[in-house]
Amino acid sequence: MSGARIPGRRIAAAVLAGALPALAFPAPALWWFAYVALVPWMLLLRSAPTGRRAALEGWLGGAAFIVAVHHWLLPSLHVFLVPVAALLGLLWIPWALLVRRLLGGAPSAGRAGAALVLVPAGWLLSELVRSWQGLGGPWGLLGASQWEVPPALRLASVGGVWLVGLVVVAVNCAVVLLVAVPGARAPAVAGLTGCAVLTGVVWLWAPTPEVSGRLRVAVVQPGPVADGPDSTERRFAVGERLTRTAAGRPVDLVVWGESSVGEDLAARPDLARRLAALSAEAGAPLLVNVDARHPDQPGIRKSAVLVDARGPTGDRYDKMRLVPFGEYVPARAFLGWATSVGRAAGEDRVPGDVPVVMSLPGGVRVGPLVCFESAFPDMSRHLVRGGAGLLVAQSSTSTFQDSWAPAQHASLAALRAAETGRPMVHATLTGISAVHGPSGERIGGALPTAASTAAVYEVPTARGTTLYVRFGDWPVAAALAVLAAYCAAAGSRSLRRPARGPSSPPARTARG
């Protein structure tokens, strides 16, 4: 079969292999599978007969991965998810070319050793680019699949989810060498040993958060409320009732989920008074989330608002990073048609300008995030550097109630807590709500989807600084430096390679 024609079985294999890593994420949550999930894809890429074929199979696999991890978006985006995945799938082409170049054929020990560094760096590059908010944000980063593995959470405290992802891909690369390249078993074993030693050293020597106190936090989850013209009022009433069930126990903070209040409190002083009365009854401030137009500002904003017994305290955070299509339509003049085929935002929300850290009466400071902002490692890191002792994410995954989305979203709190050394509360309208301690450990039981309840959690607070908070995304900088050095070396070799001389003229025949 000619190289120009792509066998259908390889196309199918690329799509299937690219989708496989999704099984490592919740809800399947096969975390251990992440360490071999890339192996079939990489074996396919290393056998590609040409670079063009590897690029195509990398693109198809990347697009399949995006669809598999985000398949729950189909009710909102419908067929629009396919072109989005096709666009994002292009980001895996450089990684695919690296896999073929470094692992193809019978690589020497040196080339195999380079692959153990460069292939993970290439994967991280694709994750880094798609982490830009305009491309959907850092949802489904491979390292995030390890949210319930204590050694991986300790790695996250040193280098964030990025370092965890690099280790996971390096292990996959070593397995490929062991399976497919008998002559490279020594560097493969060395790579696996290096990953194990790094994890062990971090486990033994990386600083851990020092518990400094306890904070009693009540999480209020109203559960599903039937749609209707008065649904926001009914949800508010359920939140009131559930908050009163927790009022008999001493609490330091009550947290409601995203869009728990459907009218701006300045425009509805009656709602403000009801919340103030609830705060007085509970003996603690309420952190609610207002999804409404502000009377003095244009557009709709999603805002975390702190309310005490006297009413709104003045502490307010407007969500900065909005969900593409869900809360705004990028380039609406060209893509506005998406609202007619799915549940894309009919009107763009207005983003906030700055992060906000709020103060509780006991002195603990709270760093609020809204919805998928909990997927961005830099946001929680900056809040902690700004003094936050408790991270709170207010979310609503009601649209995706019976999908993998609630579990995927709730799992991100463990990563953010481990990275920053600060506890994190993930409070939702309809589940899954969860709380994680300063090392990423689960605190208490999660509130499942569809549950209508309030739960009080004993949340340990901590002091100290993780290496990730101190040094930031250094694994990203290191990976980019390694890739830049490789490209420079490859370019230098290309320049030093002697140019081919002019070809000799064809021999003349008797016929001239």
Protein backbone atom coordinates (compact mmCIF):
# COMPACT_ATOMS: atom_id res chain seq x y z
CA MET A 1 0.00 0.00 0.00
CA SER A 2 1.44 3.38 -0.95
CA GLY A 3 2.60 5.79 1.75
CA ALA A 4 0.15 8.39 0.51
CA ARG A 5 -2.85 6.30 1.47
CA ILE A 6 -3.63 5.84 5.16
CA PRO A 7 -4.84 2.34 6.10
CA GLY A 8 -8.20 2.53 7.83
CA ARG A 9 -7.00 0.29 10.63
CA ARG A 10 -4.27 2.78 11.56
CA ILE A 11 -6.79 5.63 11.61
CA ALA A 12 -9.02 3.60 13.92
CA ALA A 13 -6.03 2.63 16.06
CA ALA A 14 -4.95 6.27 16.41
CA VAL A 15 -8.43 7.36 17.49
CA LEU A 16 -8.80 4.51 19.98
CA ALA A 17 -5.30 4.91 21.39
CA GLY A 18 -5.76 8.66 21.85
CA ALA A 19 -9.02 8.14 23.76
CA LEU A 20 -7.64 5.51 26.14
CA PRO A 21 -6.03 7.92 28.69
CA ALA A 22 -9.52 9.29 29.53
CA LEU A 23 -10.10 6.12 31.56
CA ALA A 24 -7.55 7.30 34.13
CA PHE A 25 -9.74 10.29 35.05
CA PRO A 26 -12.95 10.24 37.09
CA ALA A 27 -15.50 8.80 36.84
CA PRO A 28 -13.66 5.54 35.86
CA ALA A 29 -10.73 6.85 37.95
CA LEU A 30 -8.32 4.09 36.91
CA TRP A 31 -5.38 6.20 38.12
CA TRP A 32 -2.87 3.36 37.68
CA PHE A 33 -3.80 3.07 34.00
CA ALA A 34 -2.29 6.52 33.33
CA TYR A 35 1.20 4.99 33.59
CA VAL A 36 0.62 2.77 30.53
CA ALA A 37 -2.29 4.56 28.82
CA LEU A 38 -0.04 6.27 26.26
CA VAL A 39 1.85 3.11 25.33
CA PRO A 40 -0.45 1.93 22.48
CA TRP A 41 -0.48 5.42 20.96
CA MET A 42 3.30 5.77 21.20
CA LEU A 43 3.85 2.31 19.69
CA LEU A 44 1.70 3.34 16.75
CA LEU A 45 3.54 6.63 16.30
CA ARG A 46 7.02 5.10 16.44
CA SER A 47 6.03 2.72 13.62
CA ALA A 48 4.71 5.46 11.34
CA PRO A 49 6.50 5.16 7.96
CA THR A 50 6.77 8.93 7.50
CA GLY A 51 6.70 12.08 9.56
CA ARG A 52 3.53 13.12 7.79
CA ARG A 53 1.85 9.89 8.87
CA ALA A 54 2.99 10.40 12.48
CA ALA A 55 1.64 13.96 12.43
CA LEU A 56 -1.74 12.74 11.20
CA GLU A 57 -1.95 9.99 13.82
CA GLY A 58 -0.87 12.42 16.53
CA TRP A 59 -3.59 14.84 15.45
CA LEU A 60 -6.29 12.14 15.33
CA GLY A 61 -5.27 10.78 18.72
CA GLY A 62 -5.19 14.24 20.28
CA ALA A 63 -8.65 15.04 18.95
CA ALA A 64 -9.96 11.72 20.27
CA PHE A 65 -8.47 12.44 23.69
CA ILE A 66 -10.22 15.81 23.84
CA VAL A 67 -13.57 14.27 22.89
CA ALA A 68 -13.16 11.40 25.36
CA VAL A 69 -12.25 13.61 28.33
CA HIS A 70 -14.88 16.25 27.47
CA HIS A 71 -17.64 14.06 26.03
CA TRP A 72 -20.02 15.35 28.70
CA LEU A 73 -19.99 18.71 26.88
CA LEU A 74 -22.07 17.23 24.05
CA PRO A 75 -25.39 18.46 25.54
CA SER A 76 -24.02 22.01 25.44
CA LEU A 77 -21.89 22.02 22.30
CA HIS A 78 -23.42 19.20 20.27
CA VAL A 79 -21.54 18.77 16.99
CA PHE A 80 -19.46 21.86 17.74
CA LEU A 81 -17.34 19.68 20.06
CA VAL A 82 -15.91 17.90 17.00
CA PRO A 83 -14.30 20.96 15.33
CA VAL A 84 -13.09 22.16 18.74
CA ALA A 85 -11.43 18.77 19.30
CA ALA A 86 -10.00 18.83 15.78
CA LEU A 87 -8.46 22.23 16.48
CA LEU A 88 -6.98 21.21 19.83
CA GLY A 89 -5.79 17.89 18.41
CA LEU A 90 -3.26 19.83 16.29
CA LEU A 91 -1.34 20.54 19.51
CA TRP A 92 -0.20 16.90 19.70
CA ILE A 93 1.53 16.96 16.32
CA PRO A 94 4.93 18.13 17.68
CA TRP A 95 4.77 15.44 20.36
CA ALA A 96 3.93 12.79 17.77
CA LEU A 97 6.91 13.83 15.64
CA LEU A 98 9.17 13.64 18.70
CA VAL A 99 7.94 10.13 19.47
CA ARG A 100 8.64 8.94 15.93
CA ARG A 101 12.04 10.62 15.72
CA LEU A 102 13.33 9.52 19.13
CA LEU A 103 11.66 6.13 19.56
CA GLY A 104 11.32 4.97 15.96
CA GLY A 105 13.45 2.18 14.55
CA ALA A 106 16.20 0.89 16.85
CA PRO A 107 17.24 3.93 18.90
CA SER A 108 20.66 3.97 20.49
CA ALA A 109 21.05 4.20 24.24
CA GLY A 110 21.71 7.93 23.90
CA ARG A 111 18.62 8.54 21.78
CA ALA A 112 16.51 6.43 24.15
CA GLY A 113 17.79 8.43 27.11
CA ALA A 114 16.97 11.67 25.31
CA ALA A 115 13.47 10.36 24.60
CA LEU A 116 12.85 9.87 28.32
CA VAL A 117 13.31 13.61 28.77
CA LEU A 118 12.10 15.10 25.49
CA VAL A 119 8.93 13.07 24.95
CA PRO A 120 7.47 14.10 28.34
CA ALA A 121 8.51 17.69 27.62
CA GLY A 122 6.73 17.55 24.27
CA TRP A 123 3.55 16.27 25.92
CA LEU A 124 3.72 19.06 28.48
CA LEU A 125 4.02 21.60 25.66
CA SER A 126 0.68 20.46 24.21
CA GLU A 127 -0.92 20.69 27.65
CA LEU A 128 0.55 24.12 28.27
CA VAL A 129 -0.80 25.62 25.05
CA ARG A 130 -4.30 24.24 25.48
CA SER A 131 -4.32 25.49 29.09
CA TRP A 132 -4.93 28.98 27.76
CA GLN A 133 -8.43 29.97 28.78
CA GLY A 134 -9.45 30.78 25.21
CA LEU A 135 -8.75 27.18 24.20
CA GLY A 136 -10.77 25.70 27.04
CA GLY A 137 -8.35 25.81 29.96
CA PRO A 138 -6.29 23.11 31.70
CA TRP A 139 -9.03 20.52 32.06
CA GLY A 140 -7.88 16.92 31.65
CA LEU A 141 -4.16 17.43 32.29
CA LEU A 142 -2.66 13.95 32.52
CA GLY A 143 -1.13 14.64 35.93
CA ALA A 144 -4.58 15.48 37.32
CA SER A 145 -5.53 11.80 36.99
CA GLN A 146 -3.33 11.16 40.07
CA TRP A 147 -5.44 13.27 42.42
CA GLU A 148 -5.96 10.44 44.92
CA VAL A 149 -2.38 9.09 44.97
CA PRO A 150 -0.44 10.48 47.99
CA PRO A 151 3.08 10.26 46.43
CA ALA A 152 1.81 12.08 43.33
CA LEU A 153 0.19 14.78 45.49
CA ARG A 154 3.56 15.26 47.20
CA LEU A 155 5.15 15.71 43.77
CA ALA A 156 2.48 18.34 43.05
CA SER A 157 3.56 20.27 46.14
CA VAL A 158 7.01 20.58 44.55
CA GLY A 159 6.24 21.19 40.88
CA GLY A 160 2.49 21.35 40.55
CA VAL A 161 0.39 19.13 38.33
CA TRP A 162 3.02 19.73 35.62
CA LEU A 163 5.69 17.71 37.46
CA VAL A 164 3.23 14.87 38.02
CA GLY A 165 2.40 14.83 34.31
CA LEU A 166 6.07 14.73 33.33
CA VAL A 167 6.67 11.70 35.54
CA VAL A 168 3.59 9.89 34.20
CA VAL A 169 4.65 10.40 30.57
CA ALA A 170 8.25 9.41 31.36
CA VAL A 171 7.01 6.10 32.78
CA ASN A 172 4.95 5.50 29.62
CA CYS A 173 8.02 6.23 27.51
CA ALA A 174 10.14 3.78 29.51
CA VAL A 175 7.50 1.07 29.10
CA VAL A 176 7.54 1.61 25.32
CA LEU A 177 11.31 1.12 25.30
CA LEU A 178 11.02 -2.04 27.37
CA VAL A 179 8.32 -3.47 25.11
CA ALA A 180 9.56 -2.46 21.68
CA VAL A 181 13.30 -1.76 21.84
CA PRO A 182 15.28 -4.64 23.40
CA GLY A 183 18.55 -2.77 22.93
CA ALA A 184 17.34 0.15 25.04
CA ARG A 185 16.36 -1.73 28.16
CA ALA A 186 19.19 -0.23 30.20
CA PRO A 187 18.09 3.40 29.71
CA ALA A 188 14.46 2.30 30.15
CA VAL A 189 15.22 0.74 33.52
CA ALA A 190 17.29 3.78 34.42
CA GLY A 191 14.34 6.01 33.55
CA LEU A 192 11.92 4.01 35.68
CA THR A 193 14.43 4.01 38.52
CA GLY A 194 14.89 7.76 38.17
CA CYS A 195 11.13 8.37 38.42
CA ALA A 196 10.93 6.15 41.50
CA VAL A 197 13.92 7.82 43.14
CA LEU A 198 12.56 11.30 42.43
CA THR A 199 9.20 10.37 43.94
CA GLY A 200 10.90 8.81 46.97
CA VAL A 201 13.16 11.79 47.57
CA VAL A 202 10.24 14.18 47.33
CA TRP A 203 8.20 11.98 49.67
CA LEU A 204 10.99 11.97 52.27
CA TRP A 205 12.38 15.48 51.99
CA ALA A 206 9.84 17.88 50.52
CA PRO A 207 8.37 20.22 53.17
CA THR A 208 4.87 19.31 54.29
CA PRO A 209 2.21 21.67 55.59
CA GLU A 210 2.20 22.16 59.36
CA VAL A 211 -1.32 22.03 60.76
CA SER A 212 -1.96 25.24 62.67
CA GLY A 213 -5.62 25.05 63.61
CA ARG A 214 -9.12 23.92 62.68
CA LEU A 215 -11.91 25.63 60.82
CA ARG A 216 -15.48 24.36 60.87
CA VAL A 217 -16.96 24.87 57.41
CA ALA A 218 -20.58 24.11 56.49
CA VAL A 219 -21.14 23.21 52.82
CA VAL A 220 -24.70 23.73 51.62
CA GLN A 221 -25.73 21.70 48.56
CA PRO A 222 -29.38 22.32 47.55
CA GLY A 223 -29.55 19.52 45.00
CA PRO A 224 -31.53 19.57 41.75
CA VAL A 225 -34.32 22.14 41.47
CA ALA A 226 -36.80 21.85 38.62
CA ASP A 227 -36.45 24.51 35.94
CA GLY A 228 -39.05 27.25 35.90
CA PRO A 229 -39.47 31.00 36.19
CA ASP A 230 -39.08 30.82 39.97
CA SER A 231 -36.31 28.19 40.10
CA THR A 232 -33.71 30.61 41.51
CA GLU A 233 -36.09 31.65 44.30
CA ARG A 234 -36.84 28.01 45.13
CA ARG A 235 -33.13 27.16 45.16
CA PHE A 236 -32.50 30.10 47.48
CA ALA A 237 -35.23 28.86 49.81
CA VAL A 238 -33.73 25.35 49.89
CA GLY A 239 -30.34 26.89 50.71
CA GLU A 240 -31.94 28.80 53.58
CA ARG A 241 -33.57 25.67 54.97
CA LEU A 242 -30.40 23.59 54.75
CA THR A 243 -28.30 26.34 56.32
CA ARG A 244 -30.63 26.36 59.31
CA THR A 245 -30.05 22.62 59.78
CA ALA A 246 -26.36 23.40 60.28
CA ALA A 247 -27.04 26.42 62.50
CA GLY A 248 -27.27 24.33 65.65
CA ARG A 249 -23.60 23.38 65.36
CA PRO A 250 -20.76 25.88 65.79
CA VAL A 251 -19.32 26.82 62.40
CA ASP A 252 -16.81 29.40 61.18
CA LEU A 253 -18.02 29.70 57.58
CA VAL A 254 -21.02 28.63 55.51
CA VAL A 255 -20.41 28.09 51.78
CA TRP A 256 -23.06 28.02 49.06
CA GLY A 257 -22.44 26.91 45.48
CA GLU A 258 -22.14 28.80 42.21
CA SER A 259 -25.19 30.82 41.09
CA SER A 260 -26.86 30.15 44.42
CA VAL A 261 -28.29 33.69 44.40
CA GLY A 262 -30.03 34.82 41.22
CA GLU A 263 -30.40 38.55 41.99
CA ASP A 264 -27.81 41.14 42.89
CA LEU A 265 -28.01 41.89 46.61
CA ALA A 266 -27.80 45.64 46.02
CA ALA A 267 -30.91 45.41 43.85
CA ARG A 268 -32.69 42.99 46.22
CA PRO A 269 -32.19 44.23 49.78
CA ASP A 270 -34.79 41.71 50.93
CA LEU A 271 -32.46 38.87 49.92
CA ALA A 272 -29.57 40.61 51.64
CA ARG A 273 -31.61 40.81 54.85
CA ARG A 274 -32.54 37.13 54.66
CA LEU A 275 -28.88 36.17 54.23
CA ALA A 276 -27.86 38.45 57.12
CA ALA A 277 -30.46 36.77 59.32
CA LEU A 278 -29.09 33.36 58.30
CA SER A 279 -25.57 34.47 59.17
CA ALA A 280 -26.73 35.65 62.59
CA GLU A 281 -28.55 32.35 63.14
CA ALA A 282 -25.53 30.30 62.07
CA GLY A 283 -23.10 32.49 63.99
CA ALA A 284 -20.80 32.63 60.97
CA PRO A 285 -20.41 34.49 57.67
CA LEU A 286 -21.95 33.10 54.48
CA LEU A 287 -20.02 32.93 51.23
CA VAL A 288 -22.69 32.95 48.53
CA ASN A 289 -22.42 33.27 44.78
CA VAL A 290 -24.44 35.88 42.87
CA ASP A 291 -25.15 35.34 39.17
CA ALA A 292 -26.85 38.58 38.14
CA ARG A 293 -26.57 42.07 36.76
CA HIS A 294 -25.09 44.62 39.13
CA PRO A 295 -27.20 47.79 39.19
CA ASP A 296 -24.12 50.00 38.78
CA GLN A 297 -22.18 47.90 36.25
CA PRO A 298 -22.97 46.63 32.75
CA GLY A 299 -23.53 42.96 31.99
CA ILE A 300 -23.96 39.82 34.07
CA ARG A 301 -21.25 38.81 36.52
CA LYS A 302 -20.68 35.75 38.65
CA SER A 303 -19.52 36.96 42.04
CA ALA A 304 -18.49 35.37 45.33
CA VAL A 305 -20.00 37.63 48.03
CA LEU A 306 -19.31 37.45 51.77
CA VAL A 307 -22.30 38.19 54.01
CA ASP A 308 -22.32 38.50 57.81
CA ALA A 309 -25.02 39.33 60.34
CA ARG A 310 -25.02 42.97 59.18
CA GLY A 311 -25.36 42.14 55.49
CA PRO A 312 -22.79 42.08 52.66
CA THR A 313 -19.36 42.86 54.10
CA GLY A 314 -18.09 44.52 50.93
CA ASP A 315 -15.81 41.58 50.10
CA ARG A 316 -16.75 40.56 46.56
CA TYR A 317 -14.88 38.60 43.90
CA ASP A 318 -16.03 38.69 40.27
CA LYS A 319 -15.12 35.57 38.31
CA MET A 320 -12.14 36.36 36.08
CA ARG A 321 -11.83 33.34 33.79
CA LEU A 322 -15.05 32.52 32.04
CA VAL A 323 -15.99 29.21 30.43
CA PRO A 324 -15.79 29.40 26.62
CA PHE A 325 -19.26 28.89 25.12
CA GLY A 326 -20.74 28.21 28.56
CA GLU A 327 -20.39 31.81 29.79
CA TYR A 328 -19.28 33.62 26.67
CA VAL A 329 -18.93 32.83 22.98
CA PRO A 330 -15.44 33.56 21.60
CA ALA A 331 -15.62 35.78 18.51
CA ARG A 332 -19.40 35.88 18.83
CA ALA A 333 -19.73 37.73 15.51
CA PHE A 334 -18.42 34.60 13.76
CA LEU A 335 -19.34 31.80 16.18
CA GLY A 336 -22.63 33.07 17.54
CA TRP A 337 -24.44 30.36 15.58
CA ALA A 338 -23.28 27.92 18.28
CA THR A 339 -26.17 29.16 20.45
CA SER A 340 -28.63 27.66 17.97
CA VAL A 341 -27.22 24.12 18.10
CA GLY A 342 -26.41 23.79 21.79
CA ARG A 343 -26.58 25.48 25.17
CA ALA A 344 -23.94 28.10 24.48
CA ALA A 345 -24.27 31.38 26.36
CA GLY A 346 -26.95 33.61 24.89
CA GLU A 347 -25.22 36.63 26.45
CA ASP A 348 -21.57 37.02 27.38
CA ARG A 349 -20.80 37.28 31.09
CA VAL A 350 -18.47 40.09 32.16
CA PRO A 351 -15.14 38.94 33.68
CA GLY A 352 -13.65 40.41 36.82
CA ASP A 353 -10.33 42.19 36.97
CA VAL A 354 -8.43 41.06 40.06
CA PRO A 355 -8.31 38.17 42.54
CA VAL A 356 -9.66 38.89 46.01
CA VAL A 357 -8.74 37.50 49.43
CA MET A 358 -11.47 37.83 52.06
CA SER A 359 -11.04 37.94 55.84
CA LEU A 360 -13.08 35.88 58.31
CA PRO A 361 -13.68 37.03 61.90
CA GLY A 362 -11.19 34.54 63.33
CA GLY A 363 -8.37 35.88 61.19
CA VAL A 364 -8.35 33.16 58.53
CA ARG A 365 -8.35 34.58 55.01
CA VAL A 366 -10.34 32.95 52.21
CA GLY A 367 -9.38 32.82 48.53
CA PRO A 368 -12.50 32.28 46.39
CA LEU A 369 -12.60 30.70 42.94
CA VAL A 370 -15.65 30.17 40.76
CA CYS A 371 -16.39 27.06 38.70
CA PHE A 372 -13.62 25.91 36.36
CA GLU A 373 -11.16 28.43 37.80
CA SER A 374 -10.21 25.57 40.12
CA ALA A 375 -8.59 23.93 37.08
CA PHE A 376 -5.98 26.70 36.83
CA PRO A 377 -2.97 26.04 39.10
CA ASP A 378 -1.74 29.62 38.85
CA MET A 379 -4.95 31.09 40.29
CA SER A 380 -4.88 29.16 43.56
CA ARG A 381 -1.12 29.72 43.84
CA HIS A 382 -1.52 33.51 43.54
CA LEU A 383 -4.31 33.50 46.14
CA VAL A 384 -2.09 31.68 48.62
CA ARG A 385 0.80 34.03 47.90
CA GLY A 386 -1.70 36.80 48.64
CA GLY A 387 -2.37 35.39 52.09
CA ALA A 388 -5.25 32.93 51.61
CA GLY A 389 -5.36 30.24 54.31
CA LEU A 390 -8.42 28.51 52.84
CA LEU A 391 -9.32 28.04 49.17
CA VAL A 392 -12.99 27.83 48.23
CA ALA A 393 -14.33 26.88 44.79
CA GLN A 394 -18.03 27.53 44.18
CA SER A 395 -19.32 25.41 41.33
CA SER A 396 -22.40 24.18 39.52
CA THR A 397 -22.31 21.17 37.24
CA SER A 398 -26.09 20.83 37.13
CA THR A 399 -26.17 20.65 33.33
CA PHE A 400 -23.87 17.62 33.42
CA GLN A 401 -25.42 15.89 36.41
CA ASP A 402 -25.28 12.31 35.13
CA SER A 403 -21.88 12.52 33.43
CA TRP A 404 -18.23 12.29 34.44
CA ALA A 405 -18.04 16.07 34.87
CA PRO A 406 -18.96 16.36 38.59
CA ALA A 407 -16.35 13.79 39.62
CA GLN A 408 -13.68 15.30 37.36
CA HIS A 409 -14.35 18.76 38.73
CA ALA A 410 -14.37 17.72 42.38
CA SER A 411 -11.05 15.89 41.97
CA LEU A 412 -9.26 19.13 41.03
CA ALA A 413 -9.59 20.39 44.61
CA ALA A 414 -7.15 17.71 45.78
CA LEU A 415 -4.49 18.91 43.32
CA ARG A 416 -4.93 22.58 44.21
CA ALA A 417 -4.76 21.81 47.94
CA ALA A 418 -1.60 19.71 47.57
CA GLU A 419 0.09 22.29 45.32
CA THR A 420 -0.50 25.16 47.74
CA GLY A 421 -0.41 23.45 51.12
CA ARG A 422 -3.80 24.96 51.94
CA PRO A 423 -7.16 23.20 52.43
CA MET A 424 -9.75 23.56 49.72
CA VAL A 425 -13.54 23.43 49.82
CA HIS A 426 -15.35 22.53 46.60
CA ALA A 427 -19.00 23.51 47.08
CA THR A 428 -21.59 22.84 44.37
CA LEU A 429 -25.30 23.23 43.81
CA THR A 430 -25.98 19.61 42.87
CA GLY A 431 -22.80 17.69 43.68
CA ILE A 432 -20.17 16.48 43.90
CA SER A 433 -19.11 18.68 46.83
CA ALA A 434 -15.86 17.74 48.58
CA VAL A 435 -13.25 19.05 51.01
CA HIS A 436 -9.51 18.35 50.92
CA GLY A 437 -6.87 19.06 53.51
CA PRO A 438 -3.55 20.89 53.01
CA SER A 439 -1.81 17.78 51.66
CA GLY A 440 -4.65 17.00 49.26
CA GLU A 441 -6.15 14.36 51.53
CA ARG A 442 -9.93 13.90 51.60
CA ILE A 443 -11.65 15.44 54.63
CA GLY A 444 -14.93 13.75 55.51
CA GLY A 445 -17.27 12.32 52.93
CA ALA A 446 -18.12 13.87 49.60
CA LEU A 447 -21.69 14.98 48.96
CA PRO A 448 -22.89 12.93 45.97
CA THR A 449 -24.79 14.21 42.98
CA ALA A 450 -28.51 14.79 43.54
CA ALA A 451 -28.06 14.97 47.34
CA SER A 452 -29.87 17.87 49.00
CA THR A 453 -28.05 18.39 52.26
CA ALA A 454 -25.67 20.45 54.37
CA ALA A 455 -22.54 19.02 55.95
CA VAL A 456 -20.08 20.46 58.44
CA TYR A 457 -16.39 19.67 57.94
CA GLU A 458 -13.51 19.99 60.40
CA VAL A 459 -10.97 21.54 58.06
CA PRO A 460 -7.33 21.64 59.20
CA THR A 461 -5.59 24.92 58.44
CA ALA A 462 -1.85 25.01 57.81
CA ARG A 463 1.14 27.28 57.72
CA GLY A 464 4.33 27.08 55.73
CA THR A 465 4.99 27.32 52.02
CA THR A 466 5.20 24.57 49.44
CA LEU A 467 7.97 24.62 46.87
CA TYR A 468 5.36 25.05 44.16
CA VAL A 469 3.99 28.20 45.77
CA ARG A 470 7.52 29.49 46.19
CA PHE A 471 8.95 28.68 42.76
CA GLY A 472 5.87 28.35 40.57
CA ASP A 473 5.78 26.52 37.24
CA TRP A 474 9.47 25.67 37.13
CA PRO A 475 8.82 22.25 35.45
CA VAL A 476 7.24 24.14 32.56
CA ALA A 477 10.28 26.40 32.22
CA ALA A 478 12.61 23.38 32.42
CA ALA A 479 10.65 21.47 29.77
CA LEU A 480 10.61 24.44 27.42
CA ALA A 481 14.37 24.94 27.94
CA VAL A 482 15.05 21.29 27.11
CA LEU A 483 12.92 21.46 23.97
CA ALA A 484 14.59 24.71 22.91
CA ALA A 485 18.05 23.17 23.41
CA TYR A 486 17.04 20.13 21.37
CA CYS A 487 15.68 22.29 18.53
CA ALA A 488 18.85 24.41 18.58
CA ALA A 489 21.07 21.33 18.46
CA ALA A 490 19.02 19.81 15.64
CA GLY A 491 19.20 23.08 13.72
CA SER A 492 22.95 23.31 14.25
CA ARG A 493 23.46 19.76 12.95
CA SER A 494 21.37 20.59 9.93
CA LEU A 495 23.52 23.63 9.15
CA ARG A 496 26.76 21.66 9.54
CA ARG A 497 25.57 18.87 7.27
CA PRO A 498 27.32 19.27 3.90
CA ALA A 499 25.02 20.33 1.12
CA ARG A 500 24.46 17.88 -1.67
CA GLY A 501 26.40 18.65 -4.81
CA PRO A 502 24.62 19.26 -8.11
CA SER A 503 23.46 16.07 -9.65
CA SER A 504 25.36 14.91 -12.71
CA PRO A 505 23.60 15.37 -16.01
CA PRO A 506 21.90 12.30 -17.39
CA ALA A 507 23.98 10.19 -19.71
CA ARG A 508 23.43 10.88 -23.36
CA THR A 509 22.26 8.04 -25.49
CA ALA A 510 22.84 7.36 -29.11
CA ARG A 511 19.50 9.02 -29.77
CA GLY A 512 20.74 12.19 -28.14
